[in-house]
Amino acid sequence: MAQAVTPLTRDPQLEALKLPPEQVAYVGDDLRLDVEGAQKAGLKGIWMNRSGTTVPPELAHIRP
């Protein structure tokens, strides 16, 4: 099972990129775990919607 991105406090991968979180994108196929998790961590969350699914009403607050 995939793990969501957690809030960033001195994340070594972002430090290696030498970029602030708002300039980094996280791509995933799970709207809640990947996109919402990335957004909560300050990253740009990109939804890889392979099936062409519409955003369910209960997840409408997430803007992929």
C-alpha atoms as a PDB file:
ATOM      1  CA  MET A   1       0.000   0.000   0.000  1.00  0.00           C
ATOM      2  CA  ALA A   2       1.268   3.457  -0.897  1.00  0.00           C
ATOM      3  CA  GLN A   3       2.092   5.919   1.821  1.00  0.00           C
ATOM      4  CA  ALA A   4       1.011   9.527   1.640  1.00  0.00           C
ATOM      5  CA  VAL A   5       3.497  12.352   1.628  1.00  0.00           C
ATOM      6  CA  THR A   6       3.906  13.682   5.137  1.00  0.00           C
ATOM      7  CA  PRO A   7       4.478  17.303   6.129  1.00  0.00           C
ATOM      8  CA  LEU A   8       8.015  18.306   5.311  1.00  0.00           C
ATOM      9  CA  THR A   9      10.471  19.322   7.955  1.00  0.00           C
ATOM     10  CA  ARG A  10      14.005  19.178   6.579  1.00  0.00           C
ATOM     11  CA  ASP A  11      13.234  16.535   3.988  1.00  0.00           C
ATOM     12  CA  PRO A  12      16.588  15.228   2.694  1.00  0.00           C
ATOM     13  CA  GLN A  13      15.272  14.632  -0.839  1.00  0.00           C
ATOM     14  CA  LEU A  14      14.068  18.217  -1.158  1.00  0.00           C
ATOM     15  CA  GLU A  15      17.303  19.478   0.341  1.00  0.00           C
ATOM     16  CA  ALA A  16      19.214  17.514  -2.314  1.00  0.00           C
ATOM     17  CA  LEU A  17      17.157  19.224  -5.031  1.00  0.00           C
ATOM     18  CA  LYS A  18      17.921  22.609  -3.493  1.00  0.00           C
ATOM     19  CA  LEU A  19      14.351  23.676  -4.242  1.00  0.00           C
ATOM     20  CA  PRO A  20      11.591  24.878  -1.955  1.00  0.00           C
ATOM     21  CA  PRO A  21       8.586  22.506  -1.719  1.00  0.00           C
ATOM     22  CA  GLU A  22       6.334  24.825  -3.741  1.00  0.00           C
ATOM     23  CA  GLN A  23       8.637  24.325  -6.744  1.00  0.00           C
ATOM     24  CA  VAL A  24       8.455  20.518  -6.596  1.00  0.00           C
ATOM     25  CA  ALA A  25       5.724  18.313  -8.093  1.00  0.00           C
ATOM     26  CA  TYR A  26       4.644  14.896  -6.853  1.00  0.00           C
ATOM     27  CA  VAL A  27       2.877  12.688  -9.395  1.00  0.00           C
ATOM     28  CA  GLY A  28       0.632   9.853  -8.311  1.00  0.00           C
ATOM     29  CA  ASP A  29      -2.440   7.876  -9.232  1.00  0.00           C
ATOM     30  CA  ASP A  30      -4.268   8.122  -5.908  1.00  0.00           C
ATOM     31  CA  LEU A  31      -6.109  11.413  -5.548  1.00  0.00           C
ATOM     32  CA  ARG A  32      -6.302  11.324  -1.763  1.00  0.00           C
ATOM     33  CA  LEU A  33      -2.934   9.797  -0.865  1.00  0.00           C
ATOM     34  CA  ASP A  34      -0.754  11.240  -3.588  1.00  0.00           C
ATOM     35  CA  VAL A  35      -2.302  14.554  -4.604  1.00  0.00           C
ATOM     36  CA  GLU A  36      -3.824  15.665  -1.317  1.00  0.00           C
ATOM     37  CA  GLY A  37      -0.794  14.377   0.588  1.00  0.00           C
ATOM     38  CA  ALA A  38       1.585  16.303  -1.654  1.00  0.00           C
ATOM     39  CA  GLN A  39      -0.488  19.466  -1.369  1.00  0.00           C
ATOM     40  CA  LYS A  40      -0.545  19.199   2.432  1.00  0.00           C
ATOM     41  CA  ALA A  41       3.241  18.882   2.322  1.00  0.00           C
ATOM     42  CA  GLY A  42       3.518  22.079   0.270  1.00  0.00           C
ATOM     43  CA  LEU A  43       4.228  20.358  -3.060  1.00  0.00           C
ATOM     44  CA  LYS A  44       2.283  20.550  -6.307  1.00  0.00           C
ATOM     45  CA  GLY A  45       0.190  17.388  -6.469  1.00  0.00           C
ATOM     46  CA  ILE A  46      -0.405  15.986  -9.958  1.00  0.00           C
ATOM     47  CA  TRP A  47      -3.009  13.274 -10.466  1.00  0.00           C
ATOM     48  CA  MET A  48      -2.135  10.590 -13.026  1.00  0.00           C
ATOM     49  CA  ASN A  49      -5.722   9.675 -13.826  1.00  0.00           C
ATOM     50  CA  ARG A  50      -5.186   6.704 -16.128  1.00  0.00           C
ATOM     51  CA  SER A  51      -8.805   5.565 -16.042  1.00  0.00           C
ATOM     52  CA  GLY A  52     -10.331   8.976 -16.796  1.00  0.00           C
ATOM     53  CA  THR A  53     -12.295   8.932 -13.543  1.00  0.00           C
ATOM     54  CA  THR A  54     -14.053  12.105 -12.470  1.00  0.00           C
ATOM     55  CA  VAL A  55     -13.281  13.527  -9.052  1.00  0.00           C
ATOM     56  CA  PRO A  56     -15.687  11.958  -6.535  1.00  0.00           C
ATOM     57  CA  PRO A  57     -17.854  14.505  -4.660  1.00  0.00           C
ATOM     58  CA  GLU A  58     -16.248  13.620  -1.315  1.00  0.00           C
ATOM     59  CA  LEU A  59     -12.835  14.568  -2.753  1.00  0.00           C
ATOM     60  CA  ALA A  60     -13.963  17.737  -4.526  1.00  0.00           C
ATOM     61  CA  HIS A  61     -11.865  19.819  -2.104  1.00  0.00           C
ATOM     62  CA  ILE A  62      -8.700  18.375  -3.729  1.00  0.00           C
ATOM     63  CA  ARG A  63      -7.646  20.334  -6.827  1.00  0.00           C
ATOM     64  CA  PRO A  64      -5.408  18.099  -8.965  1.00  0.00           C
END
